[in-house]
N, C-alpha and C. Protein backbone atom coordinates (compact mmCIF):
# COMPACT_ATOMS: atom_id res chain seq x y z
N MET A 1 0.83 -1.18 0.00
CA MET A 1 0.00 0.00 0.00
C MET A 1 0.88 1.24 0.00
N ILE A 2 0.45 2.26 -0.76
CA ILE A 2 1.15 3.53 -0.85
C ILE A 2 0.34 4.58 -0.10
N LYS A 3 1.02 5.31 0.77
CA LYS A 3 0.38 6.43 1.47
C LYS A 3 0.96 7.72 0.91
N HIS A 4 0.08 8.66 0.63
CA HIS A 4 0.43 9.93 -0.01
C HIS A 4 -0.08 11.05 0.90
N ILE A 5 0.85 11.84 1.44
CA ILE A 5 0.50 12.91 2.36
C ILE A 5 1.05 14.23 1.81
N VAL A 6 0.17 15.22 1.75
CA VAL A 6 0.56 16.54 1.28
C VAL A 6 0.06 17.57 2.28
N VAL A 7 0.89 18.57 2.58
CA VAL A 7 0.46 19.69 3.41
C VAL A 7 0.71 20.99 2.66
N TRP A 8 -0.18 21.95 2.86
CA TRP A 8 -0.08 23.25 2.21
C TRP A 8 -0.21 24.37 3.22
N ARG A 9 0.49 25.44 2.93
CA ARG A 9 0.25 26.73 3.57
C ARG A 9 -0.43 27.59 2.51
N LEU A 10 -1.45 28.31 2.95
CA LEU A 10 -2.25 29.09 2.02
C LEU A 10 -1.99 30.59 2.15
N LYS A 11 -2.27 31.29 1.07
CA LYS A 11 -2.21 32.75 1.08
C LYS A 11 -3.32 33.26 2.00
N ASP A 12 -3.10 34.41 2.62
CA ASP A 12 -4.12 34.99 3.49
C ASP A 12 -5.39 35.33 2.71
N PHE A 13 -5.22 35.73 1.45
CA PHE A 13 -6.36 36.08 0.61
C PHE A 13 -6.02 35.74 -0.84
N ALA A 14 -6.90 35.00 -1.50
CA ALA A 14 -6.69 34.62 -2.91
C ALA A 14 -8.03 34.18 -3.50
N LYS A 15 -8.17 34.36 -4.80
CA LYS A 15 -9.37 33.93 -5.52
C LYS A 15 -10.64 34.52 -4.91
N GLY A 16 -10.53 35.73 -4.37
CA GLY A 16 -11.69 36.42 -3.85
C GLY A 16 -12.16 36.01 -2.46
N THR A 17 -11.34 35.23 -1.75
CA THR A 17 -11.76 34.81 -0.41
C THR A 17 -10.55 34.69 0.51
N ASN A 18 -10.82 34.47 1.78
CA ASN A 18 -9.75 34.36 2.76
C ASN A 18 -9.21 32.93 2.85
N LYS A 19 -8.23 32.75 3.70
CA LYS A 19 -7.55 31.46 3.87
C LYS A 19 -8.53 30.34 4.25
N ILE A 20 -9.43 30.62 5.19
CA ILE A 20 -10.39 29.59 5.63
C ILE A 20 -11.32 29.19 4.49
N GLY A 21 -11.80 30.16 3.74
CA GLY A 21 -12.67 29.85 2.59
C GLY A 21 -11.96 28.99 1.57
N ASN A 22 -10.70 29.29 1.29
CA ASN A 22 -9.94 28.48 0.33
C ASN A 22 -9.61 27.11 0.90
N ALA A 23 -9.35 27.01 2.19
CA ALA A 23 -9.10 25.70 2.81
C ALA A 23 -10.34 24.82 2.68
N GLU A 24 -11.51 25.38 2.93
CA GLU A 24 -12.76 24.62 2.80
C GLU A 24 -13.00 24.19 1.36
N LYS A 25 -12.67 25.06 0.40
CA LYS A 25 -12.82 24.72 -1.02
C LYS A 25 -11.86 23.59 -1.41
N ILE A 26 -10.62 23.64 -0.93
CA ILE A 26 -9.65 22.58 -1.21
C ILE A 26 -10.17 21.26 -0.65
N LYS A 27 -10.67 21.27 0.56
CA LYS A 27 -11.21 20.06 1.18
C LYS A 27 -12.33 19.47 0.33
N GLU A 28 -13.27 20.32 -0.07
CA GLU A 28 -14.39 19.89 -0.91
C GLU A 28 -13.91 19.30 -2.23
N LEU A 29 -13.00 19.99 -2.90
CA LEU A 29 -12.50 19.54 -4.20
C LEU A 29 -11.75 18.22 -4.09
N LEU A 30 -10.85 18.11 -3.14
CA LEU A 30 -10.07 16.88 -3.00
C LEU A 30 -10.94 15.69 -2.61
N GLU A 31 -11.85 15.89 -1.67
CA GLU A 31 -12.71 14.78 -1.25
C GLU A 31 -13.65 14.34 -2.36
N SER A 32 -14.00 15.23 -3.27
CA SER A 32 -14.86 14.86 -4.40
C SER A 32 -14.14 13.93 -5.38
N LEU A 33 -12.82 13.90 -5.33
CA LEU A 33 -12.06 13.03 -6.25
C LEU A 33 -12.30 11.54 -5.98
N ARG A 34 -12.70 11.20 -4.78
CA ARG A 34 -12.96 9.78 -4.43
C ARG A 34 -14.01 9.17 -5.35
N ARG A 35 -14.98 9.97 -5.74
CA ARG A 35 -16.05 9.49 -6.63
C ARG A 35 -15.63 9.50 -8.10
N LYS A 36 -14.53 10.15 -8.41
CA LYS A 36 -14.13 10.35 -9.80
C LYS A 36 -12.91 9.55 -10.22
N ILE A 37 -12.07 9.16 -9.25
CA ILE A 37 -10.81 8.48 -9.58
C ILE A 37 -10.79 7.14 -8.85
N VAL A 38 -10.92 6.05 -9.60
CA VAL A 38 -11.09 4.72 -9.00
C VAL A 38 -9.85 4.24 -8.26
N GLU A 39 -8.69 4.77 -8.58
CA GLU A 39 -7.46 4.32 -7.94
C GLU A 39 -7.36 4.74 -6.47
N ILE A 40 -8.12 5.72 -6.06
CA ILE A 40 -8.08 6.19 -4.68
C ILE A 40 -8.76 5.16 -3.78
N GLN A 41 -8.03 4.64 -2.82
CA GLN A 41 -8.59 3.69 -1.84
C GLN A 41 -9.15 4.41 -0.62
N HIS A 42 -8.50 5.50 -0.25
CA HIS A 42 -8.95 6.28 0.90
C HIS A 42 -8.45 7.70 0.71
N ILE A 43 -9.29 8.66 1.10
CA ILE A 43 -8.86 10.06 1.04
C ILE A 43 -9.47 10.79 2.22
N GLU A 44 -8.64 11.65 2.81
CA GLU A 44 -9.05 12.41 3.99
C GLU A 44 -8.35 13.76 3.90
N VAL A 45 -9.10 14.82 4.14
CA VAL A 45 -8.53 16.17 4.09
C VAL A 45 -8.87 16.87 5.40
N GLY A 46 -7.84 17.44 6.03
CA GLY A 46 -8.04 18.16 7.29
C GLY A 46 -7.62 19.60 7.17
N ILE A 47 -8.34 20.45 7.91
CA ILE A 47 -8.02 21.87 7.99
C ILE A 47 -7.46 22.13 9.38
N ASN A 48 -6.31 22.76 9.44
CA ASN A 48 -5.62 23.01 10.69
C ASN A 48 -6.48 23.79 11.68
N ILE A 49 -6.42 23.41 12.94
CA ILE A 49 -7.20 24.10 13.97
C ILE A 49 -6.33 24.89 14.94
N THR A 50 -5.00 24.85 14.76
CA THR A 50 -4.10 25.65 15.59
C THR A 50 -3.39 26.67 14.72
N GLY A 51 -2.89 27.70 15.32
CA GLY A 51 -2.28 28.77 14.54
C GLY A 51 -0.83 29.02 14.85
N THR A 52 -0.04 27.98 15.03
CA THR A 52 1.37 28.18 15.35
C THR A 52 2.17 28.51 14.10
N ASP A 53 3.35 29.05 14.28
CA ASP A 53 4.22 29.38 13.15
C ASP A 53 4.65 28.14 12.39
N ALA A 54 4.67 26.99 13.05
CA ALA A 54 5.10 25.75 12.41
C ALA A 54 3.96 25.06 11.67
N SER A 55 2.75 25.54 11.81
CA SER A 55 1.57 24.87 11.25
C SER A 55 1.43 25.10 9.75
N SER A 56 0.92 24.09 9.08
CA SER A 56 0.41 24.25 7.73
C SER A 56 -1.10 24.43 7.86
N ASP A 57 -1.76 24.75 6.76
CA ASP A 57 -3.19 25.07 6.80
C ASP A 57 -4.09 23.89 6.43
N VAL A 58 -3.64 23.07 5.49
CA VAL A 58 -4.45 21.96 4.99
C VAL A 58 -3.56 20.75 4.82
N VAL A 59 -4.11 19.57 5.13
CA VAL A 59 -3.39 18.31 4.92
C VAL A 59 -4.26 17.34 4.14
N LEU A 60 -3.62 16.62 3.23
CA LEU A 60 -4.26 15.54 2.47
C LEU A 60 -3.60 14.24 2.88
N TYR A 61 -4.42 13.26 3.24
CA TYR A 61 -3.93 11.91 3.52
C TYR A 61 -4.70 10.99 2.57
N SER A 62 -3.98 10.24 1.75
CA SER A 62 -4.65 9.32 0.82
C SER A 62 -3.87 8.02 0.70
N GLU A 63 -4.59 6.99 0.27
CA GLU A 63 -4.00 5.65 0.13
C GLU A 63 -4.29 5.08 -1.25
N PHE A 64 -3.30 4.35 -1.76
CA PHE A 64 -3.38 3.70 -3.07
C PHE A 64 -2.80 2.30 -2.95
N ASN A 65 -3.30 1.37 -3.74
CA ASN A 65 -2.80 0.00 -3.67
C ASN A 65 -1.36 -0.13 -4.16
N ARG A 66 -1.04 0.61 -5.23
CA ARG A 66 0.28 0.47 -5.86
C ARG A 66 0.80 1.84 -6.28
N ILE A 67 2.08 1.94 -6.50
CA ILE A 67 2.67 3.20 -6.97
C ILE A 67 2.08 3.61 -8.32
N GLU A 68 1.75 2.64 -9.15
CA GLU A 68 1.14 2.93 -10.45
C GLU A 68 -0.22 3.62 -10.27
N ASP A 69 -0.95 3.25 -9.22
CA ASP A 69 -2.24 3.88 -8.94
C ASP A 69 -2.04 5.33 -8.49
N LEU A 70 -1.03 5.57 -7.68
CA LEU A 70 -0.72 6.95 -7.28
C LEU A 70 -0.34 7.78 -8.51
N ASN A 71 0.47 7.21 -9.38
CA ASN A 71 0.86 7.92 -10.60
C ASN A 71 -0.34 8.22 -11.49
N ALA A 72 -1.27 7.28 -11.61
CA ALA A 72 -2.48 7.50 -12.41
C ALA A 72 -3.32 8.62 -11.81
N TYR A 73 -3.45 8.62 -10.49
CA TYR A 73 -4.19 9.67 -9.78
C TYR A 73 -3.57 11.03 -10.06
N GLN A 74 -2.25 11.11 -9.96
CA GLN A 74 -1.57 12.39 -10.12
C GLN A 74 -1.73 12.96 -11.52
N LYS A 75 -1.90 12.10 -12.53
CA LYS A 75 -2.05 12.55 -13.91
C LYS A 75 -3.50 12.69 -14.35
N HIS A 76 -4.43 12.24 -13.52
CA HIS A 76 -5.85 12.25 -13.88
C HIS A 76 -6.33 13.69 -14.11
N PRO A 77 -7.11 13.92 -15.17
CA PRO A 77 -7.59 15.27 -15.49
C PRO A 77 -8.38 15.93 -14.35
N GLU A 78 -9.16 15.16 -13.62
CA GLU A 78 -9.91 15.74 -12.50
C GLU A 78 -8.98 16.19 -11.38
N HIS A 79 -7.94 15.42 -11.13
CA HIS A 79 -6.93 15.82 -10.14
C HIS A 79 -6.21 17.08 -10.60
N MET A 80 -5.89 17.15 -11.87
CA MET A 80 -5.17 18.30 -12.40
C MET A 80 -5.98 19.59 -12.24
N LYS A 81 -7.30 19.52 -12.34
CA LYS A 81 -8.15 20.70 -12.11
C LYS A 81 -8.01 21.19 -10.67
N VAL A 82 -7.97 20.25 -9.73
CA VAL A 82 -7.83 20.61 -8.32
C VAL A 82 -6.44 21.20 -8.08
N VAL A 83 -5.42 20.60 -8.67
CA VAL A 83 -4.05 21.10 -8.53
C VAL A 83 -3.97 22.55 -9.00
N GLN A 84 -4.61 22.85 -10.10
CA GLN A 84 -4.57 24.21 -10.64
C GLN A 84 -5.13 25.21 -9.62
N PHE A 85 -6.27 24.87 -9.00
CA PHE A 85 -6.84 25.76 -7.99
C PHE A 85 -5.89 25.91 -6.80
N ILE A 86 -5.38 24.79 -6.31
CA ILE A 86 -4.51 24.84 -5.13
C ILE A 86 -3.28 25.69 -5.39
N MET A 87 -2.68 25.55 -6.56
CA MET A 87 -1.48 26.33 -6.88
C MET A 87 -1.75 27.83 -6.86
N GLU A 88 -2.98 28.22 -7.13
CA GLU A 88 -3.33 29.64 -7.13
C GLU A 88 -3.54 30.20 -5.72
N VAL A 89 -3.77 29.33 -4.74
CA VAL A 89 -4.08 29.82 -3.39
C VAL A 89 -3.03 29.44 -2.35
N CYS A 90 -2.03 28.66 -2.73
CA CYS A 90 -1.04 28.24 -1.73
C CYS A 90 0.28 28.98 -1.88
N THR A 91 1.02 29.00 -0.78
CA THR A 91 2.36 29.60 -0.79
C THR A 91 3.44 28.54 -0.62
N GLU A 92 3.05 27.38 -0.11
CA GLU A 92 4.02 26.33 0.16
C GLU A 92 3.34 24.97 0.11
N ARG A 93 4.09 23.98 -0.39
CA ARG A 93 3.58 22.60 -0.48
C ARG A 93 4.69 21.65 -0.07
N ARG A 94 4.34 20.67 0.73
CA ARG A 94 5.27 19.59 1.12
C ARG A 94 4.55 18.27 0.89
N VAL A 95 5.30 17.25 0.49
CA VAL A 95 4.69 15.95 0.20
C VAL A 95 5.59 14.83 0.70
N VAL A 96 4.96 13.74 1.14
CA VAL A 96 5.65 12.51 1.50
C VAL A 96 4.83 11.36 0.94
N ASP A 97 5.50 10.48 0.19
CA ASP A 97 4.90 9.24 -0.31
C ASP A 97 5.72 8.09 0.26
N TYR A 98 5.03 7.11 0.82
CA TYR A 98 5.76 5.96 1.36
C TYR A 98 4.93 4.69 1.22
N GLU A 99 5.65 3.58 1.26
CA GLU A 99 5.02 2.26 1.08
C GLU A 99 5.05 1.51 2.39
N ILE A 100 3.93 0.82 2.68
CA ILE A 100 3.89 -0.04 3.86
C ILE A 100 3.58 -1.46 3.44
């Protein structure tokens, strides 16, 4: 199994709304991919509830059966639409992919 974790820091204001509004939109968009991309085994999106300097704003936790499934997800047109939105509202992105 492949676990894919991404965290983002968001701009204070982008796309006509504040950080919280964009975090909620990212959550909605990413979680909707479960119905659209069959390779996703599990997907969970969290919005940070603390405001420390070390905090990121949004986290994605997802699972895939194989690395090929993760690669298919990353290239999927529906995923690419979400990526485009996120890139417009984020200032930083970190990712970890690992196999168990």
